[in-house]
Amino acid sequence: MENPYEKVQTNILSRIIANVERLNQSVTTMNQELSGINGKNKNIEIIGQICENYNNSIQFNLEATGNKRPPF
């Protein structure tokens, strides 16, 4: 005797499989975009570190030469 719900179950499974494939494609695309964003953020982080090191160097030199003044 055949399962009366077999056709319905097959249709549901095929829809689930199609949705999972679309979800997988979307996640792959999102991962690629996030990878690009992380690369750009790394450059910004490096620039921030350079600015911070420059500021620390300026502060040290001003203190060493006695030219440091209080803020306005």
C-alpha atoms as a PDB file:
ATOM      1  CA  MET A   1       0.000   0.000   0.000  1.00  0.00           C
ATOM      2  CA  GLU A   2       1.321   3.384  -0.947  1.00  0.00           C
ATOM      3  CA  ASN A   3       1.814   6.222   1.473  1.00  0.00           C
ATOM      4  CA  PRO A   4      -0.996   8.720   0.775  1.00  0.00           C
ATOM      5  CA  TYR A   5       1.198  11.598   1.948  1.00  0.00           C
ATOM      6  CA  GLU A   6       4.262  10.667  -0.098  1.00  0.00           C
ATOM      7  CA  LYS A   7       3.563  13.197  -2.873  1.00  0.00           C
ATOM      8  CA  VAL A   8       2.929  16.009  -0.380  1.00  0.00           C
ATOM      9  CA  GLN A   9       6.067  15.107   1.576  1.00  0.00           C
ATOM     10  CA  THR A  10       8.123  15.013  -1.616  1.00  0.00           C
ATOM     11  CA  ASN A  11       6.870  18.468  -2.609  1.00  0.00           C
ATOM     12  CA  ILE A  12       7.603  19.864   0.841  1.00  0.00           C
ATOM     13  CA  LEU A  13      11.100  18.351   0.827  1.00  0.00           C
ATOM     14  CA  SER A  14      11.835  19.785  -2.616  1.00  0.00           C
ATOM     15  CA  ARG A  15      10.726  23.236  -1.418  1.00  0.00           C
ATOM     16  CA  ILE A  16      12.902  22.915   1.688  1.00  0.00           C
ATOM     17  CA  ILE A  17      15.897  21.885  -0.433  1.00  0.00           C
ATOM     18  CA  ALA A  18      15.371  24.820  -2.812  1.00  0.00           C
ATOM     19  CA  ASN A  19      15.087  27.257   0.099  1.00  0.00           C
ATOM     20  CA  VAL A  20      18.234  25.878   1.744  1.00  0.00           C
ATOM     21  CA  GLU A  21      20.132  26.244  -1.540  1.00  0.00           C
ATOM     22  CA  ARG A  22      19.014  29.887  -1.837  1.00  0.00           C
ATOM     23  CA  LEU A  23      19.935  30.490   1.793  1.00  0.00           C
ATOM     24  CA  ASN A  24      23.368  28.969   1.198  1.00  0.00           C
ATOM     25  CA  GLN A  25      23.919  31.267  -1.793  1.00  0.00           C
ATOM     26  CA  SER A  26      22.872  34.285   0.267  1.00  0.00           C
ATOM     27  CA  VAL A  27      25.197  33.345   3.119  1.00  0.00           C
ATOM     28  CA  THR A  28      28.073  32.854   0.670  1.00  0.00           C
ATOM     29  CA  THR A  29      27.438  36.297  -0.836  1.00  0.00           C
ATOM     30  CA  MET A  30      27.218  37.862   2.617  1.00  0.00           C
ATOM     31  CA  ASN A  31      30.510  36.234   3.651  1.00  0.00           C
ATOM     32  CA  GLN A  32      32.221  37.630   0.555  1.00  0.00           C
ATOM     33  CA  GLU A  33      30.901  41.119   1.280  1.00  0.00           C
ATOM     34  CA  LEU A  34      31.942  40.913   4.937  1.00  0.00           C
ATOM     35  CA  SER A  35      35.407  39.799   3.891  1.00  0.00           C
ATOM     36  CA  GLY A  36      35.746  42.909   1.716  1.00  0.00           C
ATOM     37  CA  ILE A  37      34.474  45.137   4.517  1.00  0.00           C
ATOM     38  CA  ASN A  38      36.933  43.580   6.967  1.00  0.00           C
ATOM     39  CA  GLY A  39      39.786  44.304   4.552  1.00  0.00           C
ATOM     40  CA  LYS A  40      38.775  47.957   4.343  1.00  0.00           C
ATOM     41  CA  ASN A  41      38.350  48.165   8.119  1.00  0.00           C
ATOM     42  CA  LYS A  42      41.865  46.781   8.553  1.00  0.00           C
ATOM     43  CA  ASN A  43      43.224  49.725   6.551  1.00  0.00           C
ATOM     44  CA  ILE A  44      41.261  52.162   8.718  1.00  0.00           C
ATOM     45  CA  GLU A  45      42.584  50.462  11.850  1.00  0.00           C
ATOM     46  CA  ILE A  46      46.164  50.841  10.607  1.00  0.00           C
ATOM     47  CA  ILE A  47      45.613  54.547   9.872  1.00  0.00           C
ATOM     48  CA  GLY A  48      44.166  54.990  13.373  1.00  0.00           C
ATOM     49  CA  GLN A  49      47.230  53.356  14.915  1.00  0.00           C
ATOM     50  CA  ILE A  50      49.514  55.599  12.862  1.00  0.00           C
ATOM     51  CA  CYS A  51      47.627  58.705  14.046  1.00  0.00           C
ATOM     52  CA  GLU A  52      47.727  57.535  17.659  1.00  0.00           C
ATOM     53  CA  ASN A  53      51.470  56.855  17.474  1.00  0.00           C
ATOM     54  CA  TYR A  54      52.028  60.259  15.865  1.00  0.00           C
ATOM     55  CA  ASN A  55      50.051  61.954  18.647  1.00  0.00           C
ATOM     56  CA  ASN A  56      52.011  60.085  21.324  1.00  0.00           C
ATOM     57  CA  SER A  57      55.269  61.096  19.657  1.00  0.00           C
ATOM     58  CA  ILE A  58      54.201  64.755  19.481  1.00  0.00           C
ATOM     59  CA  GLN A  59      53.159  64.744  23.151  1.00  0.00           C
ATOM     60  CA  PHE A  60      56.474  63.185  24.173  1.00  0.00           C
ATOM     61  CA  ASN A  61      58.491  65.711  22.168  1.00  0.00           C
ATOM     62  CA  LEU A  62      56.496  68.663  23.530  1.00  0.00           C
ATOM     63  CA  GLU A  63      57.032  67.456  27.095  1.00  0.00           C
ATOM     64  CA  ALA A  64      60.725  66.780  26.458  1.00  0.00           C
ATOM     65  CA  THR A  65      61.333  70.260  25.038  1.00  0.00           C
ATOM     66  CA  GLY A  66      59.122  72.007  27.599  1.00  0.00           C
ATOM     67  CA  ASN A  67      56.848  73.476  24.923  1.00  0.00           C
ATOM     68  CA  LYS A  68      53.684  71.695  26.028  1.00  0.00           C
ATOM     69  CA  ARG A  69      50.887  74.102  26.884  1.00  0.00           C
ATOM     70  CA  PRO A  70      47.544  73.462  28.531  1.00  0.00           C
ATOM     71  CA  PRO A  71      44.506  73.324  26.229  1.00  0.00           C
ATOM     72  CA  PHE A  72      42.523  76.497  25.645  1.00  0.00           C
END
